[in-house]
Full PDB file with SEQRES, HELIX, SHEET, SSBOND, CRYST1, ORIGX, SCALE, CONECT and MASTER records, all heavy atoms in Angstrom:
SEQRES   1 A   33  TRP THR PRO THR GLY THR ASN VAL PRO ASP TYR PRO LYS          
SEQRES   2 A   33  LEU ALA GLN LEU TRP TRP GLN ASN ILE GLY GLU ALA VAL          
SEQRES   3 A   33  ALA GLY GLU VAL THR VAL ASP                                  
HELIX    1 AA1 TYR A   11  VAL A   26  1                                  16    
CRYST1    1.000    1.000    1.000  90.00  90.00  90.00 P 1           1          
ORIGX1      1.000000  0.000000  0.000000        0.00000                         
ORIGX2      0.000000  1.000000  0.000000        0.00000                         
ORIGX3      0.000000  0.000000  1.000000        0.00000                         
SCALE1      1.000000  0.000000  0.000000        0.00000                         
SCALE2      0.000000  1.000000  0.000000        0.00000                         
SCALE3      0.000000  0.000000  1.000000        0.00000                         
ATOM      1  N   TRP A   1     135.394  82.497 130.042  1.00  0.00           N  
ATOM      2  CA  TRP A   1     135.769  81.478 129.053  1.00  0.00           C  
ATOM      3  C   TRP A   1     135.972  82.199 127.727  1.00  0.00           C  
ATOM      4  O   TRP A   1     135.024  82.747 127.157  1.00  0.00           O  
ATOM      5  CB  TRP A   1     134.673  80.426 128.923  1.00  0.00           C  
ATOM      6  CG  TRP A   1     134.746  79.362 129.978  1.00  0.00           C  
ATOM      7  CD1 TRP A   1     135.208  78.086 129.816  1.00  0.00           C  
ATOM      8  CD2 TRP A   1     134.344  79.450 131.346  1.00  0.00           C  
ATOM      9  NE1 TRP A   1     135.141  77.390 130.998  1.00  0.00           N  
ATOM     10  CE2 TRP A   1     134.604  78.206 131.958  1.00  0.00           C  
ATOM     11  CE3 TRP A   1     133.793  80.465 132.128  1.00  0.00           C  
ATOM     12  CZ2 TRP A   1     134.336  77.949 133.298  1.00  0.00           C  
ATOM     13  CZ3 TRP A   1     133.524  80.221 133.459  1.00  0.00           C  
ATOM     14  CH2 TRP A   1     133.792  78.974 134.034  1.00  0.00           C  
ATOM     15  N   THR A   2     137.189  82.225 127.217  1.00  0.00           N  
ATOM     16  CA  THR A   2     137.483  83.045 126.050  1.00  0.00           C  
ATOM     17  C   THR A   2     138.276  82.276 125.001  1.00  0.00           C  
ATOM     18  O   THR A   2     139.039  81.366 125.326  1.00  0.00           O  
ATOM     19  CB  THR A   2     138.293  84.295 126.448  1.00  0.00           C  
ATOM     20  OG1 THR A   2     139.595  83.884 126.904  1.00  0.00           O  
ATOM     21  CG2 THR A   2     137.590  85.077 127.546  1.00  0.00           C  
ATOM     22  N   PRO A   3     138.125  82.651 123.726  1.00  0.00           N  
ATOM     23  CA  PRO A   3     138.912  82.022 122.663  1.00  0.00           C  
ATOM     24  C   PRO A   3     140.372  82.466 122.706  1.00  0.00           C  
ATOM     25  O   PRO A   3     140.765  83.310 123.517  1.00  0.00           O  
ATOM     26  CB  PRO A   3     138.244  82.528 121.375  1.00  0.00           C  
ATOM     27  CG  PRO A   3     136.923  83.089 121.801  1.00  0.00           C  
ATOM     28  CD  PRO A   3     137.127  83.580 123.200  1.00  0.00           C  
ATOM     29  N   THR A   4     141.162  81.888 121.805  1.00  0.00           N  
ATOM     30  CA  THR A   4     142.530  82.369 121.607  1.00  0.00           C  
ATOM     31  C   THR A   4     142.473  83.849 121.264  1.00  0.00           C  
ATOM     32  O   THR A   4     141.608  84.284 120.501  1.00  0.00           O  
ATOM     33  CB  THR A   4     143.200  81.585 120.460  1.00  0.00           C  
ATOM     34  OG1 THR A   4     143.295  80.217 120.843  1.00  0.00           O  
ATOM     35  CG2 THR A   4     144.585  82.128 120.162  1.00  0.00           C  
ATOM     36  N   GLY A   5     143.399  84.622 121.804  1.00  0.00           N  
ATOM     37  CA  GLY A   5     143.350  86.069 121.627  1.00  0.00           C  
ATOM     38  C   GLY A   5     144.338  86.609 120.621  1.00  0.00           C  
ATOM     39  O   GLY A   5     144.894  85.887 119.780  1.00  0.00           O  
ATOM     40  N   THR A   6     144.606  87.885 120.738  1.00  0.00           N  
ATOM     41  CA  THR A   6     145.367  88.599 119.713  1.00  0.00           C  
ATOM     42  C   THR A   6     146.879  88.473 119.869  1.00  0.00           C  
ATOM     43  O   THR A   6     147.623  89.013 119.056  1.00  0.00           O  
ATOM     44  CB  THR A   6     144.980  90.090 119.720  1.00  0.00           C  
ATOM     45  OG1 THR A   6     145.197  90.631 121.028  1.00  0.00           O  
ATOM     46  CG2 THR A   6     143.516  90.263 119.346  1.00  0.00           C  
ATOM     47  N   ASN A   7     147.365  87.756 120.901  1.00  0.00           N  
ATOM     48  CA  ASN A   7     148.815  87.554 121.036  1.00  0.00           C  
ATOM     49  C   ASN A   7     149.373  86.674 119.926  1.00  0.00           C  
ATOM     50  O   ASN A   7     150.566  86.724 119.635  1.00  0.00           O  
ATOM     51  CB  ASN A   7     149.161  86.897 122.375  1.00  0.00           C  
ATOM     52  CG  ASN A   7     149.064  87.849 123.553  1.00  0.00           C  
ATOM     53  OD1 ASN A   7     148.345  88.840 123.497  1.00  0.00           O  
ATOM     54  ND2 ASN A   7     149.774  87.550 124.628  1.00  0.00           N  
ATOM     55  N   VAL A   8     148.526  85.840 119.340  1.00  0.00           N  
ATOM     56  CA  VAL A   8     148.976  84.872 118.330  1.00  0.00           C  
ATOM     57  C   VAL A   8     148.983  85.551 116.964  1.00  0.00           C  
ATOM     58  O   VAL A   8     147.925  85.836 116.397  1.00  0.00           O  
ATOM     59  CB  VAL A   8     148.053  83.637 118.312  1.00  0.00           C  
ATOM     60  CG1 VAL A   8     148.531  82.613 117.282  1.00  0.00           C  
ATOM     61  CG2 VAL A   8     147.992  83.007 119.703  1.00  0.00           C  
ATOM     62  N   PRO A   9     150.170  85.815 116.396  1.00  0.00           N  
ATOM     63  CA  PRO A   9     150.250  86.635 115.190  1.00  0.00           C  
ATOM     64  C   PRO A   9     149.913  85.913 113.891  1.00  0.00           C  
ATOM     65  O   PRO A   9     149.533  86.546 112.917  1.00  0.00           O  
ATOM     66  CB  PRO A   9     151.703  87.096 115.177  1.00  0.00           C  
ATOM     67  CG  PRO A   9     152.440  85.992 115.860  1.00  0.00           C  
ATOM     68  CD  PRO A   9     151.506  85.480 116.917  1.00  0.00           C  
ATOM     69  N   ASP A  10     150.082  84.585 113.847  1.00  0.00           N  
ATOM     70  CA  ASP A  10     149.773  83.820 112.630  1.00  0.00           C  
ATOM     71  C   ASP A  10     149.265  82.450 113.057  1.00  0.00           C  
ATOM     72  O   ASP A  10     150.030  81.490 113.159  1.00  0.00           O  
ATOM     73  CB  ASP A  10     151.018  83.692 111.748  1.00  0.00           C  
ATOM     74  CG  ASP A  10     150.687  83.169 110.353  1.00  0.00           C  
ATOM     75  OD1 ASP A  10     149.788  82.311 110.242  1.00  0.00           O  
ATOM     76  OD2 ASP A  10     151.320  83.608 109.367  1.00  0.00           O  
ATOM     77  N   TYR A  11     147.970  82.358 113.295  1.00  0.00           N  
ATOM     78  CA  TYR A  11     147.380  81.130 113.828  1.00  0.00           C  
ATOM     79  C   TYR A  11     147.651  79.913 112.944  1.00  0.00           C  
ATOM     80  O   TYR A  11     148.068  78.862 113.448  1.00  0.00           O  
ATOM     81  CB  TYR A  11     145.878  81.334 114.036  1.00  0.00           C  
ATOM     82  CG  TYR A  11     145.183  80.180 114.725  1.00  0.00           C  
ATOM     83  CD1 TYR A  11     144.918  80.220 116.090  1.00  0.00           C  
ATOM     84  CD2 TYR A  11     144.783  79.050 114.016  1.00  0.00           C  
ATOM     85  CE1 TYR A  11     144.283  79.169 116.728  1.00  0.00           C  
ATOM     86  CE2 TYR A  11     144.146  77.993 114.641  1.00  0.00           C  
ATOM     87  CZ  TYR A  11     143.901  78.057 115.993  1.00  0.00           C  
ATOM     88  OH  TYR A  11     143.272  77.009 116.618  1.00  0.00           O  
ATOM     89  N   PRO A  12     147.432  79.973 111.624  1.00  0.00           N  
ATOM     90  CA  PRO A  12     147.651  78.777 110.804  1.00  0.00           C  
ATOM     91  C   PRO A  12     149.070  78.226 110.888  1.00  0.00           C  
ATOM     92  O   PRO A  12     149.264  77.017 110.978  1.00  0.00           O  
ATOM     93  CB  PRO A  12     147.319  79.251 109.385  1.00  0.00           C  
ATOM     94  CG  PRO A  12     146.360  80.370 109.586  1.00  0.00           C  
ATOM     95  CD  PRO A  12     146.857  81.076 110.817  1.00  0.00           C  
ATOM     96  N   LYS A  13     150.059  79.103 110.876  1.00  0.00           N  
ATOM     97  CA  LYS A  13     151.452  78.642 110.918  1.00  0.00           C  
ATOM     98  C   LYS A  13     151.821  78.092 112.295  1.00  0.00           C  
ATOM     99  O   LYS A  13     152.518  77.077 112.403  1.00  0.00           O  
ATOM    100  CB  LYS A  13     152.401  79.785 110.547  1.00  0.00           C  
ATOM    101  CG  LYS A  13     152.462  80.122 109.063  1.00  0.00           C  
ATOM    102  CD  LYS A  13     153.583  81.125 108.788  1.00  0.00           C  
ATOM    103  CE  LYS A  13     153.745  81.363 107.289  1.00  0.00           C  
ATOM    104  NZ  LYS A  13     152.589  82.113 106.741  1.00  0.00           N  
ATOM    105  N   LEU A  14     151.373  78.758 113.335  1.00  0.00           N  
ATOM    106  CA  LEU A  14     151.763  78.355 114.684  1.00  0.00           C  
ATOM    107  C   LEU A  14     150.953  77.167 115.192  1.00  0.00           C  
ATOM    108  O   LEU A  14     151.489  76.305 115.895  1.00  0.00           O  
ATOM    109  CB  LEU A  14     151.615  79.538 115.651  1.00  0.00           C  
ATOM    110  CG  LEU A  14     152.536  80.730 115.390  1.00  0.00           C  
ATOM    111  CD1 LEU A  14     152.204  81.873 116.351  1.00  0.00           C  
ATOM    112  CD2 LEU A  14     153.992  80.336 115.535  1.00  0.00           C  
ATOM    113  N   ALA A  15     149.679  77.078 114.835  1.00  0.00           N  
ATOM    114  CA  ALA A  15     148.818  76.019 115.368  1.00  0.00           C  
ATOM    115  C   ALA A  15     149.309  74.628 114.975  1.00  0.00           C  
ATOM    116  O   ALA A  15     149.217  73.687 115.766  1.00  0.00           O  
ATOM    117  CB  ALA A  15     147.380  76.221 114.895  1.00  0.00           C  
ATOM    118  N   GLN A  16     149.824  74.499 113.757  1.00  0.00           N  
ATOM    119  CA  GLN A  16     150.258  73.171 113.317  1.00  0.00           C  
ATOM    120  C   GLN A  16     151.457  72.659 114.100  1.00  0.00           C  
ATOM    121  O   GLN A  16     151.696  71.448 114.174  1.00  0.00           O  
ATOM    122  CB  GLN A  16     150.575  73.187 111.821  1.00  0.00           C  
ATOM    123  CG  GLN A  16     151.707  74.108 111.417  1.00  0.00           C  
ATOM    124  CD  GLN A  16     151.871  74.174 109.911  1.00  0.00           C  
ATOM    125  OE1 GLN A  16     151.428  73.276 109.194  1.00  0.00           O  
ATOM    126  NE2 GLN A  16     152.491  75.233 109.415  1.00  0.00           N  
ATOM    127  N   LEU A  17     152.217  73.553 114.725  1.00  0.00           N  
ATOM    128  CA  LEU A  17     153.364  73.119 115.523  1.00  0.00           C  
ATOM    129  C   LEU A  17     152.922  72.345 116.764  1.00  0.00           C  
ATOM    130  O   LEU A  17     153.649  71.470 117.251  1.00  0.00           O  
ATOM    131  CB  LEU A  17     154.196  74.333 115.958  1.00  0.00           C  
ATOM    132  CG  LEU A  17     154.758  75.228 114.855  1.00  0.00           C  
ATOM    133  CD1 LEU A  17     155.470  76.421 115.481  1.00  0.00           C  
ATOM    134  CD2 LEU A  17     155.701  74.447 113.949  1.00  0.00           C  
ATOM    135  N   TRP A  18     151.744  72.658 117.272  1.00  0.00           N  
ATOM    136  CA  TRP A  18     151.309  72.073 118.538  1.00  0.00           C  
ATOM    137  C   TRP A  18     151.037  70.582 118.401  1.00  0.00           C  
ATOM    138  O   TRP A  18     151.538  69.780 119.181  1.00  0.00           O  
ATOM    139  CB  TRP A  18     150.069  72.820 119.054  1.00  0.00           C  
ATOM    140  CG  TRP A  18     150.415  74.161 119.608  1.00  0.00           C  
ATOM    141  CD1 TRP A  18     150.791  75.271 118.898  1.00  0.00           C  
ATOM    142  CD2 TRP A  18     150.453  74.536 120.977  1.00  0.00           C  
ATOM    143  NE1 TRP A  18     151.046  76.320 119.745  1.00  0.00           N  
ATOM    144  CE2 TRP A  18     150.850  75.910 121.027  1.00  0.00           C  
ATOM    145  CE3 TRP A  18     150.175  73.882 122.170  1.00  0.00           C  
ATOM    146  CZ2 TRP A  18     150.983  76.597 122.222  1.00  0.00           C  
ATOM    147  CZ3 TRP A  18     150.297  74.574 123.365  1.00  0.00           C  
ATOM    148  CH2 TRP A  18     150.696  75.916 123.387  1.00  0.00           C  
ATOM    149  N   TRP A  19     150.233  70.204 117.426  1.00  0.00           N  
ATOM    150  CA  TRP A  19     149.890  68.783 117.335  1.00  0.00           C  
ATOM    151  C   TRP A  19     151.099  67.942 116.922  1.00  0.00           C  
ATOM    152  O   TRP A  19     151.229  66.791 117.329  1.00  0.00           O  
ATOM    153  CB  TRP A  19     148.704  68.562 116.403  1.00  0.00           C  
ATOM    154  CG  TRP A  19     148.920  68.807 114.936  1.00  0.00           C  
ATOM    155  CD1 TRP A  19     148.741  69.970 114.257  1.00  0.00           C  
ATOM    156  CD2 TRP A  19     149.294  67.832 113.954  1.00  0.00           C  
ATOM    157  NE1 TRP A  19     148.996  69.801 112.922  1.00  0.00           N  
ATOM    158  CE2 TRP A  19     149.331  68.492 112.702  1.00  0.00           C  
ATOM    159  CE3 TRP A  19     149.603  66.470 114.006  1.00  0.00           C  
ATOM    160  CZ2 TRP A  19     149.662  67.836 111.516  1.00  0.00           C  
ATOM    161  CZ3 TRP A  19     149.940  65.814 112.825  1.00  0.00           C  
ATOM    162  CH2 TRP A  19     149.970  66.494 111.601  1.00  0.00           C  
ATOM    163  N   GLN A  20     151.997  68.525 116.152  1.00  0.00           N  
ATOM    164  CA  GLN A  20     153.181  67.776 115.725  1.00  0.00           C  
ATOM    165  C   GLN A  20     154.106  67.500 116.910  1.00  0.00           C  
ATOM    166  O   GLN A  20     154.543  66.358 117.124  1.00  0.00           O  
ATOM    167  CB  GLN A  20     153.908  68.538 114.626  1.00  0.00           C  
ATOM    168  CG  GLN A  20     153.117  68.603 113.324  1.00  0.00           C  
ATOM    169  CD  GLN A  20     153.648  69.630 112.344  1.00  0.00           C  
ATOM    170  OE1 GLN A  20     154.565  70.392 112.654  1.00  0.00           O  
ATOM    171  NE2 GLN A  20     153.089  69.658 111.152  1.00  0.00           N  
ATOM    172  N   ASN A  21     154.388  68.521 117.689  1.00  0.00           N  
ATOM    173  CA  ASN A  21     155.307  68.348 118.824  1.00  0.00           C  
ATOM    174  C   ASN A  21     154.667  67.576 119.973  1.00  0.00           C  
ATOM    175  O   ASN A  21     155.298  66.684 120.557  1.00  0.00           O  
ATOM    176  CB  ASN A  21     155.803  69.713 119.302  1.00  0.00           C  
ATOM    177  CG  ASN A  21     156.851  70.297 118.375  1.00  0.00           C  
ATOM    178  OD1 ASN A  21     158.002  69.879 118.379  1.00  0.00           O  
ATOM    179  ND2 ASN A  21     156.452  71.262 117.557  1.00  0.00           N  
ATOM    180  N   ILE A  22     153.441  67.913 120.306  1.00  0.00           N  
ATOM    181  CA  ILE A  22     152.759  67.208 121.388  1.00  0.00           C  
ATOM    182  C   ILE A  22     152.481  65.765 120.986  1.00  0.00           C  
ATOM    183  O   ILE A  22     152.584  64.838 121.798  1.00  0.00           O  
ATOM    184  CB  ILE A  22     151.482  67.961 121.790  1.00  0.00           C  
ATOM    185  CG1 ILE A  22     151.864  69.245 122.541  1.00  0.00           C  
ATOM    186  CG2 ILE A  22     150.567  67.088 122.653  1.00  0.00           C  
ATOM    187  CD1 ILE A  22     150.747  70.206 122.772  1.00  0.00           C  
ATOM    188  N   GLY A  23     152.146  65.548 119.715  1.00  0.00           N  
ATOM    189  CA  GLY A  23     151.921  64.196 119.225  1.00  0.00           C  
ATOM    190  C   GLY A  23     153.142  63.310 119.390  1.00  0.00           C  
ATOM    191  O   GLY A  23     153.013  62.112 119.677  1.00  0.00           O  
ATOM    192  N   GLU A  24     154.329  63.887 119.241  1.00  0.00           N  
ATOM    193  CA  GLU A  24     155.562  63.105 119.431  1.00  0.00           C  
ATOM    194  C   GLU A  24     155.708  62.663 120.885  1.00  0.00           C  
ATOM    195  O   GLU A  24     156.129  61.537 121.174  1.00  0.00           O  
ATOM    196  CB  GLU A  24     156.776  63.929 118.997  1.00  0.00           C  
ATOM    197  CG  GLU A  24     156.859  64.136 117.488  1.00  0.00           C  
ATOM    198  CD  GLU A  24     158.062  64.973 117.075  1.00  0.00           C  
ATOM    199  OE1 GLU A  24     158.778  65.461 117.985  1.00  0.00           O  
ATOM    200  OE2 GLU A  24     158.277  65.141 115.864  1.00  0.00           O  
ATOM    201  N   ALA A  25     155.341  63.547 121.803  1.00  0.00           N  
ATOM    202  CA  ALA A  25     155.416  63.187 123.223  1.00  0.00           C  
ATOM    203  C   ALA A  25     154.381  62.113 123.564  1.00  0.00           C  
ATOM    204  O   ALA A  25     154.683  61.139 124.264  1.00  0.00           O  
ATOM    205  CB  ALA A  25     155.202  64.418 124.091  1.00  0.00           C  
ATOM    206  N   VAL A  26     153.163  62.278 123.070  1.00  0.00           N  
ATOM    207  CA  VAL A  26     152.095  61.317 123.356  1.00  0.00           C  
ATOM    208  C   VAL A  26     152.449  59.932 122.812  1.00  0.00           C  
ATOM    209  O   VAL A  26     152.162  58.912 123.435  1.00  0.00           O  
ATOM    210  CB  VAL A  26     150.754  61.807 122.766  1.00  0.00           C  
ATOM    211  CG1 VAL A  26     149.664  60.759 122.954  1.00  0.00           C  
ATOM    212  CG2 VAL A  26     150.330  63.122 123.418  1.00  0.00           C  
ATOM    213  N   ALA A  27     153.111  59.920 121.657  1.00  0.00           N  
ATOM    214  CA  ALA A  27     153.504  58.648 121.045  1.00  0.00           C  
ATOM    215  C   ALA A  27     154.745  58.037 121.689  1.00  0.00           C  
ATOM    216  O   ALA A  27     155.148  56.930 121.336  1.00  0.00           O  
ATOM    217  CB  ALA A  27     153.744  58.851 119.550  1.00  0.00           C  
ATOM    218  N   GLY A  28     155.374  58.767 122.623  1.00  0.00           N  
ATOM    219  CA  GLY A  28     156.561  58.257 123.295  1.00  0.00           C  
ATOM    220  C   GLY A  28     157.840  58.433 122.498  1.00  0.00           C  
ATOM    221  O   GLY A  28     158.874  57.833 122.822  1.00  0.00           O  
ATOM    222  N   GLU A  29     157.790  59.291 121.472  1.00  0.00           N  
ATOM    223  CA  GLU A  29     158.967  59.499 120.627  1.00  0.00           C  
ATOM    224  C   GLU A  29     159.962  60.463 121.266  1.00  0.00           C  
ATOM    225  O   GLU A  29     161.164  60.370 121.009  1.00  0.00           O  
ATOM    226  CB  GLU A  29     158.532  60.036 119.252  1.00  0.00           C  
ATOM    227  CG  GLU A  29     157.655  59.054 118.482  1.00  0.00           C  
ATOM    228  CD  GLU A  29     156.985  59.689 117.270  1.00  0.00           C  
ATOM    229  OE1 GLU A  29     157.369  60.822 116.916  1.00  0.00           O  
ATOM    230  OE2 GLU A  29     156.083  59.064 116.688  1.00  0.00           O  
ATOM    231  N   VAL A  30     159.462  61.387 122.084  1.00  0.00           N  
ATOM    232  CA  VAL A  30     160.324  62.323 122.799  1.00  0.00           C  
ATOM    233  C   VAL A  30     159.768  62.506 124.204  1.00  0.00           C  
ATOM    234  O   VAL A  30     158.615  62.148 124.481  1.00  0.00           O  
ATOM    235  CB  VAL A  30     160.419  63.698 122.095  1.00  0.00           C  
ATOM    236  CG1 VAL A  30     160.988  63.579 120.691  1.00  0.00           C  
ATOM    237  CG2 VAL A  30     159.045  64.380 122.056  1.00  0.00           C  
ATOM    238  N   THR A  31     160.557  63.078 125.091  1.00  0.00           N  
ATOM    239  CA  THR A  31     160.082  63.357 126.451  1.00  0.00           C  
ATOM    240  C   THR A  31     159.202  64.600 126.459  1.00  0.00           C  
ATOM    241  O   THR A  31     159.189  65.388 125.498  1.00  0.00           O  
ATOM    242  CB  THR A  31     161.258  63.589 127.407  1.00  0.00           C  
ATOM    243  OG1 THR A  31     161.942  64.794 127.014  1.00  0.00           O  
ATOM    244  CG2 THR A  31     162.223  62.412 127.395  1.00  0.00           C  
ATOM    245  N   VAL A  32     158.469  64.785 127.549  1.00  0.00           N  
ATOM    246  CA  VAL A  32     157.640  65.982 127.712  1.00  0.00           C  
ATOM    247  C   VAL A  32     158.500  67.242 127.637  1.00  0.00           C  
ATOM    248  O   VAL A  32     158.141  68.214 126.958  1.00  0.00           O  
ATOM    249  CB  VAL A  32     156.878  65.926 129.047  1.00  0.00           C  
ATOM    250  CG1 VAL A  32     156.284  67.292 129.393  1.00  0.00           C  
ATOM    251  CG2 VAL A  32     155.771  64.872 128.986  1.00  0.00           C  
ATOM    252  N   ASP A  33     159.629  67.242 128.330  1.00  0.00           N  
ATOM    253  CA  ASP A  33     160.510  68.419 128.322  1.00  0.00           C  
ATOM    254  C   ASP A  33     160.959  68.757 126.914  1.00  0.00           C  
ATOM    255  O   ASP A  33     160.925  69.930 126.494  1.00  0.00           O  
ATOM    256  CB  ASP A  33     161.733  68.175 129.214  1.00  0.00           C  
ATOM    257  CG  ASP A  33     161.388  68.225 130.699  1.00  0.00           C  
ATOM    258  OD1 ASP A  33     160.211  68.480 131.030  1.00  0.00           O  
ATOM    259  OD2 ASP A  33     162.299  68.013 131.523  1.00  0.00           O  
TER     260      ASP A  33                                                      
MASTER        0    0    0    1    0    0    0    6  259    1    0    3          
END                                                                             
């Protein structure tokens, strides 16, 4: 069981993309694809 590793070059900039895009799918605004 391990944390996020060193492949992620800028966690603050990249992490915010996840909740924004996934949130749109969860809300039914866009498809999963």
